[in-house]
Amino acid sequence: MRTSVSLDAELASYVREVTAEAGENNAEAIRNALRHGSDQADRVASLEAEAEQLRDRVAELEAERDRLQSEKQQLLEQHEQTTELVEYVEQERAVERQWREAGLATRVKWRVLGMPSTDSHT
């Protein structure tokens, strides 16, 4: 394809520099500049696609992080509930042991007046 172009002063100066440095004629310098520009456009498109993939990956990782934090919170809550249940069972066992070890008169007294609390929190 043959085409004619008009260049402003800045572009004309650039073509003269490239032509002098590379020992090319004006047409070859312009063709090389266009090839380079085309290559750079392809590179930009490739980098934009890669950036989009990376943004998607970041979103996936953030979702995974949120899911794991939620699971961790659930596990911590379950652990706390289990700990409370263990403490309750231990207290009940202590009361039961105290009842079994008490004499008949003490048991009767506890039935009438109530058993003294073994809870260290009260």
C-alpha atoms as a PDB file:
ATOM      1  CA  MET A   1       0.000   0.000   0.000  1.00  0.00           C
ATOM      2  CA  ARG A   2       1.247   3.411  -0.901  1.00  0.00           C
ATOM      3  CA  THR A   3       0.179   6.394   1.095  1.00  0.00           C
ATOM      4  CA  SER A   4       1.308   9.949   1.641  1.00  0.00           C
ATOM      5  CA  VAL A   5       1.369  11.564   5.031  1.00  0.00           C
ATOM      6  CA  SER A   6       1.919  15.043   6.324  1.00  0.00           C
ATOM      7  CA  LEU A   7       3.849  15.298   9.565  1.00  0.00           C
ATOM      8  CA  ASP A   8       3.882  18.157  12.011  1.00  0.00           C
ATOM      9  CA  ALA A   9       7.243  19.672  12.922  1.00  0.00           C
ATOM     10  CA  GLU A  10       7.770  17.474  15.995  1.00  0.00           C
ATOM     11  CA  LEU A  11       7.118  14.193  14.143  1.00  0.00           C
ATOM     12  CA  ALA A  12       9.180  15.325  11.154  1.00  0.00           C
ATOM     13  CA  SER A  13      12.080  16.074  13.522  1.00  0.00           C
ATOM     14  CA  TYR A  14      11.710  12.607  15.092  1.00  0.00           C
ATOM     15  CA  VAL A  15      11.743  10.907  11.649  1.00  0.00           C
ATOM     16  CA  ARG A  16      14.910  12.843  10.700  1.00  0.00           C
ATOM     17  CA  GLU A  17      16.610  11.719  13.976  1.00  0.00           C
ATOM     18  CA  VAL A  18      15.684   8.049  13.484  1.00  0.00           C
ATOM     19  CA  THR A  19      16.679   8.176   9.822  1.00  0.00           C
ATOM     20  CA  ALA A  20      20.083   9.657  10.654  1.00  0.00           C
ATOM     21  CA  GLU A  21      20.766   7.213  13.523  1.00  0.00           C
ATOM     22  CA  ALA A  22      19.676   4.049  11.729  1.00  0.00           C
ATOM     23  CA  GLY A  23      20.855   4.982   8.268  1.00  0.00           C
ATOM     24  CA  GLU A  24      17.335   4.420   6.915  1.00  0.00           C
ATOM     25  CA  ASN A  25      15.258   6.405   4.502  1.00  0.00           C
ATOM     26  CA  ASN A  26      12.152   8.254   5.657  1.00  0.00           C
ATOM     27  CA  ALA A  27       9.766   5.551   4.472  1.00  0.00           C
ATOM     28  CA  GLU A  28      11.645   2.768   6.317  1.00  0.00           C
ATOM     29  CA  ALA A  29      11.845   4.842   9.509  1.00  0.00           C
ATOM     30  CA  ILE A  30       8.079   5.461   9.403  1.00  0.00           C
ATOM     31  CA  ARG A  31       7.371   1.747   8.696  1.00  0.00           C
ATOM     32  CA  ASN A  32       9.557   0.762  11.664  1.00  0.00           C
ATOM     33  CA  ALA A  33       7.819   3.298  13.907  1.00  0.00           C
ATOM     34  CA  LEU A  34       4.413   1.931  12.862  1.00  0.00           C
ATOM     35  CA  ARG A  35       5.557  -1.669  13.513  1.00  0.00           C
ATOM     36  CA  HIS A  36       6.846  -0.651  16.914  1.00  0.00           C
ATOM     37  CA  GLY A  37       3.569   1.132  17.674  1.00  0.00           C
ATOM     38  CA  SER A  38       1.600  -1.939  16.600  1.00  0.00           C
ATOM     39  CA  ASP A  39       3.773  -4.186  18.759  1.00  0.00           C
ATOM     40  CA  GLN A  40       3.251  -1.856  21.713  1.00  0.00           C
ATOM     41  CA  ALA A  41      -0.524  -1.850  21.167  1.00  0.00           C
ATOM     42  CA  ASP A  42      -0.483  -5.663  21.218  1.00  0.00           C
ATOM     43  CA  ARG A  43       1.600  -5.593  24.387  1.00  0.00           C
ATOM     44  CA  VAL A  44      -0.816  -3.148  26.030  1.00  0.00           C
ATOM     45  CA  ALA A  45      -3.769  -5.397  25.148  1.00  0.00           C
ATOM     46  CA  SER A  46      -1.942  -8.405  26.576  1.00  0.00           C
ATOM     47  CA  LEU A  47      -1.085  -6.546  29.780  1.00  0.00           C
ATOM     48  CA  GLU A  48      -4.666  -5.326  30.155  1.00  0.00           C
ATOM     49  CA  ALA A  49      -5.937  -8.910  29.804  1.00  0.00           C
ATOM     50  CA  GLU A  50      -3.377 -10.094  32.359  1.00  0.00           C
ATOM     51  CA  ALA A  51      -4.352  -7.266  34.723  1.00  0.00           C
ATOM     52  CA  GLU A  52      -8.015  -8.305  34.427  1.00  0.00           C
ATOM     53  CA  GLN A  53      -7.095 -11.914  35.248  1.00  0.00           C
ATOM     54  CA  LEU A  54      -5.115 -10.727  38.265  1.00  0.00           C
ATOM     55  CA  ARG A  55      -8.048  -8.589  39.458  1.00  0.00           C
ATOM     56  CA  ASP A  56     -10.285 -11.658  39.172  1.00  0.00           C
ATOM     57  CA  ARG A  57      -7.762 -13.727  41.135  1.00  0.00           C
ATOM     58  CA  VAL A  58      -7.561 -11.059  43.836  1.00  0.00           C
ATOM     59  CA  ALA A  59     -11.363 -11.100  44.108  1.00  0.00           C
ATOM     60  CA  GLU A  60     -11.306 -14.910  44.432  1.00  0.00           C
ATOM     61  CA  LEU A  61      -8.625 -14.756  47.124  1.00  0.00           C
ATOM     62  CA  GLU A  62     -10.508 -12.070  49.038  1.00  0.00           C
ATOM     63  CA  ALA A  63     -13.654 -14.213  48.942  1.00  0.00           C
ATOM     64  CA  GLU A  64     -11.636 -17.205  50.172  1.00  0.00           C
ATOM     65  CA  ARG A  65     -10.156 -15.082  52.973  1.00  0.00           C
ATOM     66  CA  ASP A  66     -13.623 -13.943  54.029  1.00  0.00           C
ATOM     67  CA  ARG A  67     -14.891 -17.532  53.993  1.00  0.00           C
ATOM     68  CA  LEU A  68     -11.951 -18.712  56.105  1.00  0.00           C
ATOM     69  CA  GLN A  69     -12.421 -15.877  58.588  1.00  0.00           C
ATOM     70  CA  SER A  70     -16.076 -16.816  58.903  1.00  0.00           C
ATOM     71  CA  GLU A  71     -15.164 -20.472  59.474  1.00  0.00           C
ATOM     72  CA  LYS A  72     -12.570 -19.453  62.056  1.00  0.00           C
ATOM     73  CA  GLN A  73     -15.168 -17.368  63.901  1.00  0.00           C
ATOM     74  CA  GLN A  74     -17.588 -20.304  63.893  1.00  0.00           C
ATOM     75  CA  LEU A  75     -14.893 -22.624  65.239  1.00  0.00           C
ATOM     76  CA  LEU A  76     -14.028 -20.171  67.996  1.00  0.00           C
ATOM     77  CA  GLU A  77     -17.695 -19.907  68.963  1.00  0.00           C
ATOM     78  CA  GLN A  78     -18.041 -23.701  68.970  1.00  0.00           C
ATOM     79  CA  HIS A  79     -14.927 -23.986  71.133  1.00  0.00           C
ATOM     80  CA  GLU A  80     -16.347 -21.461  73.590  1.00  0.00           C
ATOM     81  CA  GLN A  81     -19.658 -23.327  73.741  1.00  0.00           C
ATOM     82  CA  THR A  82     -17.862 -26.626  74.253  1.00  0.00           C
ATOM     83  CA  THR A  83     -15.756 -25.127  77.041  1.00  0.00           C
ATOM     84  CA  GLU A  84     -18.883 -23.805  78.768  1.00  0.00           C
ATOM     85  CA  LEU A  85     -20.539 -27.205  78.440  1.00  0.00           C
ATOM     86  CA  VAL A  86     -17.491 -28.967  79.902  1.00  0.00           C
ATOM     87  CA  GLU A  87     -17.474 -26.548  82.853  1.00  0.00           C
ATOM     88  CA  TYR A  88     -21.185 -27.162  83.424  1.00  0.00           C
ATOM     89  CA  VAL A  89     -20.741 -30.941  83.342  1.00  0.00           C
ATOM     90  CA  GLU A  90     -17.813 -30.734  85.766  1.00  0.00           C
ATOM     91  CA  GLN A  91     -19.915 -28.637  88.159  1.00  0.00           C
ATOM     92  CA  GLU A  92     -22.808 -31.098  87.946  1.00  0.00           C
ATOM     93  CA  ARG A  93     -20.446 -33.999  88.629  1.00  0.00           C
ATOM     94  CA  ALA A  94     -19.047 -32.190  91.650  1.00  0.00           C
ATOM     95  CA  VAL A  95     -22.571 -31.628  92.998  1.00  0.00           C
ATOM     96  CA  GLU A  96     -23.461 -35.260  92.360  1.00  0.00           C
ATOM     97  CA  ARG A  97     -20.273 -36.446  94.085  1.00  0.00           C
ATOM     98  CA  GLN A  98     -20.983 -34.147  97.039  1.00  0.00           C
ATOM     99  CA  TRP A  99     -24.545 -35.563  97.249  1.00  0.00           C
ATOM    100  CA  ARG A 100     -23.298 -39.163  97.153  1.00  0.00           C
ATOM    101  CA  GLU A 101     -20.660 -38.529  99.809  1.00  0.00           C
ATOM    102  CA  ALA A 102     -23.039 -36.693 102.166  1.00  0.00           C
ATOM    103  CA  GLY A 103     -24.648 -38.545 105.043  1.00  0.00           C
ATOM    104  CA  LEU A 104     -28.372 -39.169 105.334  1.00  0.00           C
ATOM    105  CA  ALA A 105     -28.933 -36.291 107.786  1.00  0.00           C
ATOM    106  CA  THR A 106     -27.074 -33.887 105.497  1.00  0.00           C
ATOM    107  CA  ARG A 107     -29.113 -34.984 102.482  1.00  0.00           C
ATOM    108  CA  VAL A 108     -32.358 -34.450 104.356  1.00  0.00           C
ATOM    109  CA  LYS A 109     -31.143 -31.003 105.437  1.00  0.00           C
ATOM    110  CA  TRP A 110     -30.234 -30.188 101.814  1.00  0.00           C
ATOM    111  CA  ARG A 111     -33.667 -31.359 100.600  1.00  0.00           C
ATOM    112  CA  VAL A 112     -35.367 -28.976 103.024  1.00  0.00           C
ATOM    113  CA  LEU A 113     -33.006 -25.992 102.923  1.00  0.00           C
ATOM    114  CA  GLY A 114     -31.268 -26.524  99.595  1.00  0.00           C
ATOM    115  CA  MET A 115     -27.825 -27.715  98.823  1.00  0.00           C
ATOM    116  CA  PRO A 116     -24.981 -25.236  99.330  1.00  0.00           C
ATOM    117  CA  SER A 117     -23.519 -23.975  96.080  1.00  0.00           C
ATOM    118  CA  THR A 118     -20.155 -25.298  94.964  1.00  0.00           C
ATOM    119  CA  ASP A 119     -20.004 -22.742  92.195  1.00  0.00           C
ATOM    120  CA  SER A 120     -16.880 -20.657  92.680  1.00  0.00           C
ATOM    121  CA  HIS A 121     -18.478 -17.766  90.749  1.00  0.00           C
ATOM    122  CA  THR A 122     -21.201 -17.125  93.375  1.00  0.00           C
END
